[in-house]
C-alpha atoms as a PDB file:
ATOM      1  CA  MET A   1      22.428   3.356  97.621  1.00  0.00           C
ATOM      2  CA  SER A   2      20.775   3.866  93.584  1.00  0.00           C
ATOM      3  CA  ARG A   3      23.037   3.700  90.498  1.00  0.00           C
ATOM      4  CA  ALA A   4      22.842   6.985  90.384  1.00  0.00           C
ATOM      5  CA  ALA A   5      23.791   7.289  93.363  1.00  0.00           C
ATOM      6  CA  HIS A   6      26.991   5.726  92.280  1.00  0.00           C
ATOM      7  CA  LEU A   7      27.924   9.561  91.546  1.00  0.00           C
ATOM      8  CA  CYS A   8      28.264  10.520  94.834  1.00  0.00           C
ATOM      9  CA  ARG A   9      29.920   7.620  95.585  1.00  0.00           C
ATOM     10  CA  VAL A  10      32.305   8.403  93.097  1.00  0.00           C
ATOM     11  CA  LEU A  11      32.784  11.852  94.470  1.00  0.00           C
ATOM     12  CA  LEU A  12      32.743  10.356  98.034  1.00  0.00           C
ATOM     13  CA  TYR A  13      36.224   9.047  97.486  1.00  0.00           C
ATOM     14  CA  ILE A  14      37.608  12.066  96.170  1.00  0.00           C
ATOM     15  CA  GLY A  15      36.389  13.866  99.614  1.00  0.00           C
ATOM     16  CA  MET A  16      33.421  15.925  98.108  1.00  0.00           C
ATOM     17  CA  THR A  17      29.770  15.342 100.093  1.00  0.00           C
ATOM     18  CA  CYS A  18      26.680  15.377  98.497  1.00  0.00           C
ATOM     19  CA  ALA A  19      22.664  14.170  99.107  1.00  0.00           C
ATOM     20  CA  CYS A  20      21.171  12.565  96.431  1.00  0.00           C
ATOM     21  CA  THR A  21      17.398  13.586  96.155  1.00  0.00           C
ATOM     22  CA  LEU A  22      16.878  11.876  92.757  1.00  0.00           C
ATOM     23  CA  GLY A  23      13.861  12.482  90.469  1.00  0.00           C
ATOM     24  CA  HIS A  24      12.094  14.536  92.819  1.00  0.00           C
ATOM     25  CA  SER A  25      11.420  17.549  90.033  1.00  0.00           C
ATOM     26  CA  GLN A  26      11.420  15.685  87.261  1.00  0.00           C
ATOM     27  CA  PRO A  27       7.796  16.468  85.235  1.00  0.00           C
ATOM     28  CA  ALA A  28       5.468  13.819  85.111  1.00  0.00           C
ATOM     29  CA  ARG A  29       4.978  12.297  81.288  1.00  0.00           C
ATOM     30  CA  SER A  30       2.408  10.395  80.570  1.00  0.00           C
ATOM     31  CA  PRO A  31       2.475   5.718  80.345  1.00  0.00           C
ATOM     32  CA  VAL A  32       3.893   4.122  78.056  1.00  0.00           C
ATOM     33  CA  ALA A  33       3.528   1.148  76.923  1.00  0.00           C
ATOM     34  CA  GLU A  34       5.061  -2.108  78.688  1.00  0.00           C
ATOM     35  CA  ALA A  35       7.478  -4.494  77.257  1.00  0.00           C
ATOM     36  CA  GLU A  36       6.973  -8.271  76.741  1.00  0.00           C
ATOM     37  CA  PHE A  37       8.345  -9.498  79.447  1.00  0.00           C
ATOM     38  CA  TYR A  38       7.862 -12.636  82.250  1.00  0.00           C
ATOM     39  CA  ASP A  39       8.662 -14.514  84.866  1.00  0.00           C
ATOM     40  CA  PRO A  40      10.856 -12.832  87.299  1.00  0.00           C
ATOM     41  CA  GLN A  41      13.537 -15.356  89.051  1.00  0.00           C
ATOM     42  CA  ARG A  42      16.202 -14.695  91.605  1.00  0.00           C
ATOM     43  CA  VAL A  43      19.657 -15.846  90.013  1.00  0.00           C
ATOM     44  CA  THR A  44      22.000 -18.068  92.561  1.00  0.00           C
ATOM     45  CA  ILE A  45      25.838 -17.487  92.922  1.00  0.00           C
ATOM     46  CA  ARG A  46      27.192 -20.371  94.073  1.00  0.00           C
ATOM     47  CA  GLY A  47      30.212 -19.753  96.560  1.00  0.00           C
ATOM     48  CA  TYR A  48      28.184 -15.967  96.911  1.00  0.00           C
ATOM     49  CA  ASP A  49      26.369 -14.665  99.267  1.00  0.00           C
ATOM     50  CA  GLY A  50      27.330 -10.531  99.502  1.00  0.00           C
ATOM     51  CA  ASP A  51      25.526  -7.576  97.715  1.00  0.00           C
ATOM     52  CA  ALA A  52      25.635  -8.455  93.657  1.00  0.00           C
ATOM     53  CA  MET A  53      24.910  -5.526  91.848  1.00  0.00           C
ATOM     54  CA  GLU A  54      25.695  -4.309  87.977  1.00  0.00           C
ATOM     55  CA  PRO A  55      25.284  -7.159  86.484  1.00  0.00           C
ATOM     56  CA  PHE A  56      26.884  -8.246  82.927  1.00  0.00           C
ATOM     57  CA  LEU A  57      26.970 -11.181  81.019  1.00  0.00           C
ATOM     58  CA  THR A  58      29.329 -11.870  77.985  1.00  0.00           C
ATOM     59  CA  ARG A  59      28.425 -11.942  74.590  1.00  0.00           C
ATOM     60  CA  ASP A  60      28.868 -16.078  74.510  1.00  0.00           C
ATOM     61  CA  GLY A  61      26.308 -16.047  78.332  1.00  0.00           C
ATOM     62  CA  LYS A  62      29.354 -18.403  79.364  1.00  0.00           C
ATOM     63  CA  ILE A  63      31.037 -15.610  81.735  1.00  0.00           C
ATOM     64  CA  LEU A  64      28.828 -13.282  84.744  1.00  0.00           C
ATOM     65  CA  PHE A  65      30.586 -10.148  86.153  1.00  0.00           C
ATOM     66  CA  PHE A  66      29.514  -7.793  88.867  1.00  0.00           C
ATOM     67  CA  ASN A  67      30.428  -5.952  91.588  1.00  0.00           C
ATOM     68  CA  ASN A  68      29.439  -6.347  95.371  1.00  0.00           C
ATOM     69  CA  LEU A  69      27.576  -2.889  97.273  1.00  0.00           C
ATOM     70  CA  ASN A  70      28.889   0.232  96.467  1.00  0.00           C
ATOM     71  CA  GLU A  71      28.127   1.827  99.804  1.00  0.00           C
ATOM     72  CA  PRO A  72      30.823   4.239 101.183  1.00  0.00           C
ATOM     73  CA  GLN A  73      32.056   2.544 103.757  1.00  0.00           C
ATOM     74  CA  VAL A  74      32.566  -0.783 101.538  1.00  0.00           C
ATOM     75  CA  ASN A  75      35.478  -1.411  99.166  1.00  0.00           C
ATOM     76  CA  THR A  76      33.377  -2.089  95.831  1.00  0.00           C
ATOM     77  CA  ASN A  77      35.379  -4.435  93.951  1.00  0.00           C
ATOM     78  CA  LEU A  78      34.644  -5.943  90.627  1.00  0.00           C
ATOM     79  CA  TYR A  79      33.975 -10.293  90.608  1.00  0.00           C
ATOM     80  CA  TRP A  80      33.375 -12.567  88.037  1.00  0.00           C
ATOM     81  CA  ALA A  81      31.256 -16.309  87.814  1.00  0.00           C
ATOM     82  CA  GLU A  82      31.036 -19.184  85.298  1.00  0.00           C
ATOM     83  CA  ARG A  83      27.523 -19.627  83.403  1.00  0.00           C
ATOM     84  CA  ILE A  84      25.969 -23.286  85.122  1.00  0.00           C
ATOM     85  CA  ASP A  85      22.701 -23.223  84.078  1.00  0.00           C
ATOM     86  CA  ASP A  86      20.566 -19.912  82.772  1.00  0.00           C
ATOM     87  CA  LEU A  87      20.139 -19.345  86.603  1.00  0.00           C
ATOM     88  CA  THR A  88      23.125 -20.663  87.781  1.00  0.00           C
ATOM     89  CA  PHE A  89      26.548 -19.568  88.324  1.00  0.00           C
ATOM     90  CA  GLN A  90      30.098 -20.729  90.068  1.00  0.00           C
ATOM     91  CA  PHE A  91      31.318 -17.955  91.443  1.00  0.00           C
ATOM     92  CA  LYS A  92      34.821 -17.090  90.892  1.00  0.00           C
ATOM     93  CA  GLY A  93      36.613 -14.354  92.731  1.00  0.00           C
ATOM     94  CA  GLU A  94      37.956 -11.120  91.744  1.00  0.00           C
ATOM     95  CA  VAL A  95      38.235  -9.840  88.512  1.00  0.00           C
ATOM     96  CA  GLY A  96      42.421  -9.913  88.495  1.00  0.00           C
ATOM     97  CA  GLY A  97      44.399  -7.127  87.951  1.00  0.00           C
ATOM     98  CA  VAL A  98      41.612  -4.585  88.527  1.00  0.00           C
ATOM     99  CA  ASN A  99      40.638  -3.369  91.859  1.00  0.00           C
ATOM    100  CA  THR A 100      42.038  -1.463  94.311  1.00  0.00           C
ATOM    101  CA  PRO A 101      40.986   0.432  97.227  1.00  0.00           C
ATOM    102  CA  ALA A 102      38.933   2.849  95.492  1.00  0.00           C
ATOM    103  CA  LEU A 103      35.700   1.673  93.382  1.00  0.00           C
ATOM    104  CA  GLU A 104      35.353  -0.461  91.012  1.00  0.00           C
ATOM    105  CA  GLY A 105      32.291  -1.290  89.144  1.00  0.00           C
ATOM    106  CA  VAL A 106      29.662  -1.879  86.433  1.00  0.00           C
ATOM    107  CA  ALA A 107      31.511  -4.083  84.006  1.00  0.00           C
ATOM    108  CA  SER A 108      30.782  -4.827  80.625  1.00  0.00           C
ATOM    109  CA  MET A 109      33.019  -7.263  77.448  1.00  0.00           C
ATOM    110  CA  ASP A 110      33.003  -7.064  74.039  1.00  0.00           C
ATOM    111  CA  ARG A 111      33.297 -10.347  72.143  1.00  0.00           C
ATOM    112  CA  LYS A 112      37.016  -9.930  71.834  1.00  0.00           C
ATOM    113  CA  GLY A 113      37.562  -9.963  75.461  1.00  0.00           C
ATOM    114  CA  ASN A 114      38.581  -5.905  75.021  1.00  0.00           C
ATOM    115  CA  PHE A 115      37.346  -5.703  79.206  1.00  0.00           C
ATOM    116  CA  HIS A 116      35.820  -1.769  80.600  1.00  0.00           C
ATOM    117  CA  PHE A 117      35.083  -1.410  83.776  1.00  0.00           C
ATOM    118  CA  VAL A 118      34.203   2.390  85.860  1.00  0.00           C
ATOM    119  CA  SER A 119      37.220   3.143  88.402  1.00  0.00           C
ATOM    120  CA  SER A 120      37.256   6.206  91.075  1.00  0.00           C
ATOM    121  CA  ARG A 121      40.942   5.687  91.315  1.00  0.00           C
ATOM    122  CA  SER A 122      42.542   9.181  89.368  1.00  0.00           C
ATOM    123  CA  TYR A 123      39.192  11.098  90.100  1.00  0.00           C
ATOM    124  CA  ASP A 124      41.183  13.894  91.844  1.00  0.00           C
ATOM    125  CA  GLN A 125      44.071  14.186  89.123  1.00  0.00           C
ATOM    126  CA  THR A 126      42.093  13.942  85.862  1.00  0.00           C
ATOM    127  CA  ALA A 127      38.895  14.088  86.581  1.00  0.00           C
ATOM    128  CA  SER A 128      37.782  10.560  84.537  1.00  0.00           C
ATOM    129  CA  THR A 129      36.599   7.564  85.535  1.00  0.00           C
ATOM    130  CA  LEU A 130      36.439   4.866  82.275  1.00  0.00           C
ATOM    131  CA  TYR A 131      39.195   2.622  82.638  1.00  0.00           C
ATOM    132  CA  ARG A 132      39.887  -0.612  79.915  1.00  0.00           C
ATOM    133  CA  GLY A 133      42.226  -3.633  79.194  1.00  0.00           C
ATOM    134  CA  HIS A 134      42.061  -6.829  78.308  1.00  0.00           C
ATOM    135  CA  PHE A 135      40.184  -9.764  80.220  1.00  0.00           C
ATOM    136  CA  SER A 136      41.646 -13.863  79.464  1.00  0.00           C
ATOM    137  CA  ASN A 137      41.404 -16.548  82.416  1.00  0.00           C
ATOM    138  CA  GLY A 138      39.767 -14.013  85.553  1.00  0.00           C
ATOM    139  CA  VAL A 139      42.496 -11.591  84.972  1.00  0.00           C
ATOM    140  CA  VAL A 140      42.472  -8.117  83.096  1.00  0.00           C
ATOM    141  CA  THR A 141      45.941  -6.681  81.971  1.00  0.00           C
ATOM    142  CA  GLY A 142      47.146  -3.284  80.593  1.00  0.00           C
ATOM    143  CA  VAL A 143      44.899  -1.361  82.178  1.00  0.00           C
ATOM    144  CA  GLU A 144      44.198   2.037  81.706  1.00  0.00           C
ATOM    145  CA  LEU A 145      41.677   5.272  81.151  1.00  0.00           C
ATOM    146  CA  VAL A 146      39.651   4.971  77.927  1.00  0.00           C
ATOM    147  CA  PRO A 147      41.241   7.778  75.327  1.00  0.00           C
ATOM    148  CA  GLY A 148      38.571  10.455  73.834  1.00  0.00           C
ATOM    149  CA  VAL A 149      35.628  10.069  75.662  1.00  0.00           C
ATOM    150  CA  SER A 150      35.560  11.858  79.667  1.00  0.00           C
ATOM    151  CA  LEU A 151      35.299  16.308  79.263  1.00  0.00           C
ATOM    152  CA  ALA A 152      38.075  15.655  81.970  1.00  0.00           C
ATOM    153  CA  LYS A 153      36.537  18.557  84.488  1.00  0.00           C
ATOM    154  CA  PRO A 154      35.750  18.028  87.636  1.00  0.00           C
ATOM    155  CA  GLY A 155      32.434  18.105  88.748  1.00  0.00           C
ATOM    156  CA  SER A 156      31.808  15.944  85.770  1.00  0.00           C
ATOM    157  CA  VAL A 157      31.116  12.034  85.877  1.00  0.00           C
ATOM    158  CA  ASN A 158      30.685   8.862  83.673  1.00  0.00           C
ATOM    159  CA  PHE A 159      29.273   6.486  86.054  1.00  0.00           C
ATOM    160  CA  ASP A 160      28.581   4.056  83.931  1.00  0.00           C
ATOM    161  CA  ALA A 161      29.125   2.523  80.512  1.00  0.00           C
ATOM    162  CA  GLU A 162      29.002  -0.623  77.576  1.00  0.00           C
ATOM    163  CA  ILE A 163      30.915  -1.348  75.323  1.00  0.00           C
ATOM    164  CA  SER A 164      29.429  -3.116  71.655  1.00  0.00           C
ATOM    165  CA  ALA A 165      29.339  -6.236  71.247  1.00  0.00           C
ATOM    166  CA  ASP A 166      31.652  -5.386  68.050  1.00  0.00           C
ATOM    167  CA  GLY A 167      33.672  -3.629  70.442  1.00  0.00           C
ATOM    168  CA  ASN A 168      33.107  -0.595  68.039  1.00  0.00           C
ATOM    169  CA  THR A 169      30.836   1.913  70.027  1.00  0.00           C
ATOM    170  CA  LEU A 170      31.072   2.404  73.625  1.00  0.00           C
ATOM    171  CA  TYR A 171      28.026   4.223  75.564  1.00  0.00           C
ATOM    172  CA  PHE A 172      28.447   5.787  78.226  1.00  0.00           C
ATOM    173  CA  VAL A 173      26.723   7.820  81.122  1.00  0.00           C
ATOM    174  CA  GLU A 174      27.619  11.716  81.430  1.00  0.00           C
ATOM    175  CA  SER A 175      26.286  13.677  84.478  1.00  0.00           C
ATOM    176  CA  GLN A 176      27.109  17.007  85.795  1.00  0.00           C
ATOM    177  CA  PHE A 177      26.836  17.900  90.095  1.00  0.00           C
ATOM    178  CA  GLU A 178      25.467  20.508  91.383  1.00  0.00           C
ATOM    179  CA  HIS A 179      24.717  21.636  94.495  1.00  0.00           C
ATOM    180  CA  GLY A 180      25.899  18.442  95.800  1.00  0.00           C
ATOM    181  CA  GLY A 181      23.375  16.412  93.978  1.00  0.00           C
ATOM    182  CA  PRO A 182      23.508  15.286  90.061  1.00  0.00           C
ATOM    183  CA  LYS A 183      21.816  17.474  87.891  1.00  0.00           C
ATOM    184  CA  TRP A 184      21.327  15.497  84.835  1.00  0.00           C
ATOM    185  CA  ALA A 185      22.748  12.067  83.880  1.00  0.00           C
ATOM    186  CA  HIS A 186      22.226  11.425  80.099  1.00  0.00           C
ATOM    187  CA  ILE A 187      23.379   8.018  77.650  1.00  0.00           C
ATOM    188  CA  LEU A 188      25.804   8.968  75.000  1.00  0.00           C
ATOM    189  CA  PHE A 189      28.120   7.463  72.542  1.00  0.00           C
ATOM    190  CA  ALA A 190      31.939   7.258  71.108  1.00  0.00           C
ATOM    191  CA  GLN A 191      32.922   5.521  68.063  1.00  0.00           C
ATOM    192  CA  ARG A 192      36.154   3.556  68.169  1.00  0.00           C
ATOM    193  CA  LYS A 193      38.810   5.054  65.531  1.00  0.00           C
ATOM    194  CA  GLY A 194      41.619   2.992  65.992  1.00  0.00           C
ATOM    195  CA  ASN A 195      42.911   2.570  69.957  1.00  0.00           C
ATOM    196  CA  VAL A 196      40.853   5.783  70.753  1.00  0.00           C
ATOM    197  CA  PHE A 197      36.721   6.526  70.827  1.00  0.00           C
ATOM    198  CA  VAL A 198      35.746   9.901  69.528  1.00  0.00           C
ATOM    199  CA  ARG A 199      32.252  11.736  71.241  1.00  0.00           C
ATOM    200  CA  SER A 200      29.786  10.974  68.290  1.00  0.00           C
ATOM    201  CA  ALA A 201      28.418  13.910  67.099  1.00  0.00           C
ATOM    202  CA  ASP A 202      25.143  12.240  65.840  1.00  0.00           C
ATOM    203  CA  SER A 203      24.443  11.363  70.151  1.00  0.00           C
ATOM    204  CA  ASP A 204      21.661  13.950  70.580  1.00  0.00           C
ATOM    205  CA  ARG A 205      19.806  12.789  67.235  1.00  0.00           C
ATOM    206  CA  ILE A 206      19.630   8.869  67.989  1.00  0.00           C
ATOM    207  CA  LEU A 207      18.892   9.042  72.037  1.00  0.00           C
ATOM    208  CA  ARG A 208      16.695  12.159  72.098  1.00  0.00           C
ATOM    209  CA  SER A 209      13.739   9.995  73.742  1.00  0.00           C
ATOM    210  CA  ILE A 210      15.979   8.301  76.000  1.00  0.00           C
ATOM    211  CA  ASN A 211      18.018  11.772  77.528  1.00  0.00           C
ATOM    212  CA  SER A 212      14.462  12.924  78.534  1.00  0.00           C
ATOM    213  CA  GLY A 213      14.660  15.394  81.328  1.00  0.00           C
ATOM    214  CA  ARG A 214      15.600  12.338  84.121  1.00  0.00           C
ATOM    215  CA  LEU A 215      18.532  10.814  85.210  1.00  0.00           C
ATOM    216  CA  ASN A 216      19.246   8.018  82.844  1.00  0.00           C
ATOM    217  CA  TYR A 217      21.228   5.714  82.764  1.00  0.00           C
ATOM    218  CA  ALA A 218      22.716   2.144  82.388  1.00  0.00           C
ATOM    219  CA  PRO A 219      22.272   1.565  78.690  1.00  0.00           C
ATOM    220  CA  ALA A 220      22.343  -2.258  77.963  1.00  0.00           C
ATOM    221  CA  THR A 221      22.515  -2.886  73.698  1.00  0.00           C
ATOM    222  CA  SER A 222      21.473  -5.837  71.548  1.00  0.00           C
ATOM    223  CA  ALA A 223      24.257  -7.245  69.671  1.00  0.00           C
ATOM    224  CA  SER A 224      22.574  -5.369  66.513  1.00  0.00           C
ATOM    225  CA  GLY A 225      22.027  -2.007  67.816  1.00  0.00           C
ATOM    226  CA  LEU A 226      18.601  -2.302  67.396  1.00  0.00           C
ATOM    227  CA  GLU A 227      17.784  -2.028  71.527  1.00  0.00           C
ATOM    228  CA  ILE A 228      18.295  -0.712  73.797  1.00  0.00           C
ATOM    229  CA  PHE A 229      17.940  -1.680  77.695  1.00  0.00           C
ATOM    230  CA  PHE A 230      18.750   1.025  80.197  1.00  0.00           C
ATOM    231  CA  THR A 231      17.727   2.591  83.750  1.00  0.00           C
ATOM    232  CA  ARG A 232      15.762   5.323  84.034  1.00  0.00           C
ATOM    233  CA  VAL A 233      14.339   7.591  87.906  1.00  0.00           C
ATOM    234  CA  ASP A 234      10.863   7.866  87.709  1.00  0.00           C
ATOM    235  CA  PRO A 235       8.270  10.410  88.996  1.00  0.00           C
ATOM    236  CA  GLY A 236       8.914   9.778  93.150  1.00  0.00           C
ATOM    237  CA  GLY A 237      12.805   8.631  92.786  1.00  0.00           C
ATOM    238  CA  ARG A 238      12.388   4.959  92.034  1.00  0.00           C
ATOM    239  CA  PRO A 239      14.678   3.314  89.336  1.00  0.00           C
ATOM    240  CA  ALA A 240      12.740   0.793  86.841  1.00  0.00           C
ATOM    241  CA  ILE A 241      13.820  -0.321  83.542  1.00  0.00           C
ATOM    242  CA  TYR A 242      12.985   0.688  80.185  1.00  0.00           C
ATOM    243  CA  LEU A 243      13.523  -0.723  76.365  1.00  0.00           C
ATOM    244  CA  ALA A 244      14.102   1.582  73.006  1.00  0.00           C
ATOM    245  CA  SER A 245      14.428   0.088  69.576  1.00  0.00           C
ATOM    246  CA  ARG A 246      14.945   1.321  66.232  1.00  0.00           C
ATOM    247  CA  THR A 247      14.695  -0.023  62.731  1.00  0.00           C
ATOM    248  CA  ASP A 248      18.347   0.232  61.243  1.00  0.00           C
ATOM    249  CA  THR A 249      21.123   1.965  63.652  1.00  0.00           C
ATOM    250  CA  ALA A 250      21.869   5.434  61.603  1.00  0.00           C
ATOM    251  CA  SER A 251      18.123   5.816  62.746  1.00  0.00           C
ATOM    252  CA  PRO A 252      16.750   7.076  66.705  1.00  0.00           C
ATOM    253  CA  PHE A 253      15.937   4.658  69.167  1.00  0.00           C
ATOM    254  CA  GLY A 254      11.634   5.354  69.048  1.00  0.00           C
ATOM    255  CA  GLU A 255      10.283   6.067  72.555  1.00  0.00           C
ATOM    256  CA  PRO A 256      11.436   3.967  74.889  1.00  0.00           C
ATOM    257  CA  SER A 257       8.620   1.570  76.336  1.00  0.00           C
ATOM    258  CA  LYS A 258       9.157   0.664  80.798  1.00  0.00           C
ATOM    259  CA  ILE A 259       9.402  -3.463  81.620  1.00  0.00           C
ATOM    260  CA  ALA A 260       6.420  -3.409  84.268  1.00  0.00           C
ATOM    261  CA  VAL A 261       7.242  -6.919  84.931  1.00  0.00           C
ATOM    262  CA  VAL A 262      10.495  -5.836  86.628  1.00  0.00           C
ATOM    263  CA  SER A 263       9.443  -3.877  89.911  1.00  0.00           C
ATOM    264  CA  GLY A 264      10.780  -2.459  92.691  1.00  0.00           C
ATOM    265  CA  PHE A 265      13.931  -1.108  93.110  1.00  0.00           C
ATOM    266  CA  VAL A 266      15.486  -1.999  89.863  1.00  0.00           C
ATOM    267  CA  GLU A 267      18.470  -1.691  87.920  1.00  0.00           C
ATOM    268  CA  GLY A 268      20.997  -2.382  85.453  1.00  0.00           C
ATOM    269  CA  PRO A 269      20.280  -4.782  82.513  1.00  0.00           C
ATOM    270  CA  THR A 270      22.162  -6.717  80.449  1.00  0.00           C
ATOM    271  CA  LEU A 271      21.234  -9.628  77.530  1.00  0.00           C
ATOM    272  CA  SER A 272      21.399 -12.779  77.374  1.00  0.00           C
ATOM    273  CA  PRO A 273      23.320 -14.213  74.312  1.00  0.00           C
ATOM    274  CA  ASP A 274      19.647 -14.943  72.309  1.00  0.00           C
ATOM    275  CA  GLU A 275      18.087 -11.836  74.218  1.00  0.00           C
ATOM    276  CA  LYS A 276      15.648 -13.942  75.077  1.00  0.00           C
ATOM    277  CA  SER A 277      16.851 -13.149  79.118  1.00  0.00           C
ATOM    278  CA  MET A 278      17.909  -9.692  80.420  1.00  0.00           C
ATOM    279  CA  PHE A 279      19.324  -9.950  83.754  1.00  0.00           C
ATOM    280  CA  TYR A 280      19.512  -7.120  86.125  1.00  0.00           C
ATOM    281  CA  HIS A 281      19.850  -6.383  90.045  1.00  0.00           C
ATOM    282  CA  LYS A 282      17.056  -5.905  92.439  1.00  0.00           C
ATOM    283  CA  LYS A 283      17.086  -4.888  96.052  1.00  0.00           C
ATOM    284  CA  GLU A 284      15.598  -7.389  97.972  1.00  0.00           C
ATOM    285  CA  GLY A 285      15.065  -7.410 102.182  1.00  0.00           C
ATOM    286  CA  GLY A 286      17.826  -4.902 102.711  1.00  0.00           C
ATOM    287  CA  LYS A 287      19.897  -6.268 100.236  1.00  0.00           C
ATOM    288  CA  PHE A 288      21.073  -6.847  96.232  1.00  0.00           C
ATOM    289  CA  VAL A 289      20.799  -9.667  94.298  1.00  0.00           C
ATOM    290  CA  LEU A 290      19.936 -10.326  90.610  1.00  0.00           C
ATOM    291  CA  TYR A 291      16.965 -11.433  88.853  1.00  0.00           C
ATOM    292  CA  ARG A 292      15.822 -12.498  85.688  1.00  0.00           C
ATOM    293  CA  VAL A 293      13.138 -12.521  82.936  1.00  0.00           C
ATOM    294  CA  ARG A 294      11.966 -13.263  79.474  1.00  0.00           C
ATOM    295  CA  ARG A 295      10.539 -12.908  76.917  1.00  0.00           C
ATOM    296  CA  PRO A 296       8.879 -14.921  73.594  1.00  0.00           C
END
């Protein structure tokens, strides 16, 4: 199941059914330049042998968050591991305080330990999926819905999000279901105002080149806010990872470049602290595993 099909999974949890056919109706575009990454290498999580999806590496690089398979028959939960070296992490178990019989996934965290994730636990009551709390020593406390972001309308689902390094910007995905499938998925952002987030009126302008009519999701941002990595479903229905950049945080992102060395069924980018490495998940032999690529 692709990360865009995560939307199907959320709605399955609230008793709806869908059959996602992703990308086949999207118009072709001319090729974009390849971003300069190289050397894909498999990541090892010692003590864990299940599926690993939606990785997020903390801004200090010490902790790796991820979730297991997000198929309907699986109880999707959040897990964490501690860094041993660049390609090796030690499994520590479930993230405490967040997991329920519903879906929990797509973790992210700012430098202050403010933890954000997706959960379908209350969708049938709230039509909202974005939650937050505070992470410390393997446990998240004060779990609550993120205020000010969700439209709270049935059929509208936020199935991905990432909090910025400084905690002041929440990048999130908004999608709309129609006739049993996702009509579109766009990346937007909201700005912190005190203890709430306010949707930015600048989202369309800043992210226009990214939201190009395809299914766009899984945002991952640099600490400076000058780069954004994301997943896009290419014509033919296969997800790929793209990178877009800009010169300052008031300017729109430029035309995205496809990271061609990241091949196969790939999604869910996240950056290392020095931003020279990108981690992601890949379907390999029927199982989702984590990989890393580097750039000079």
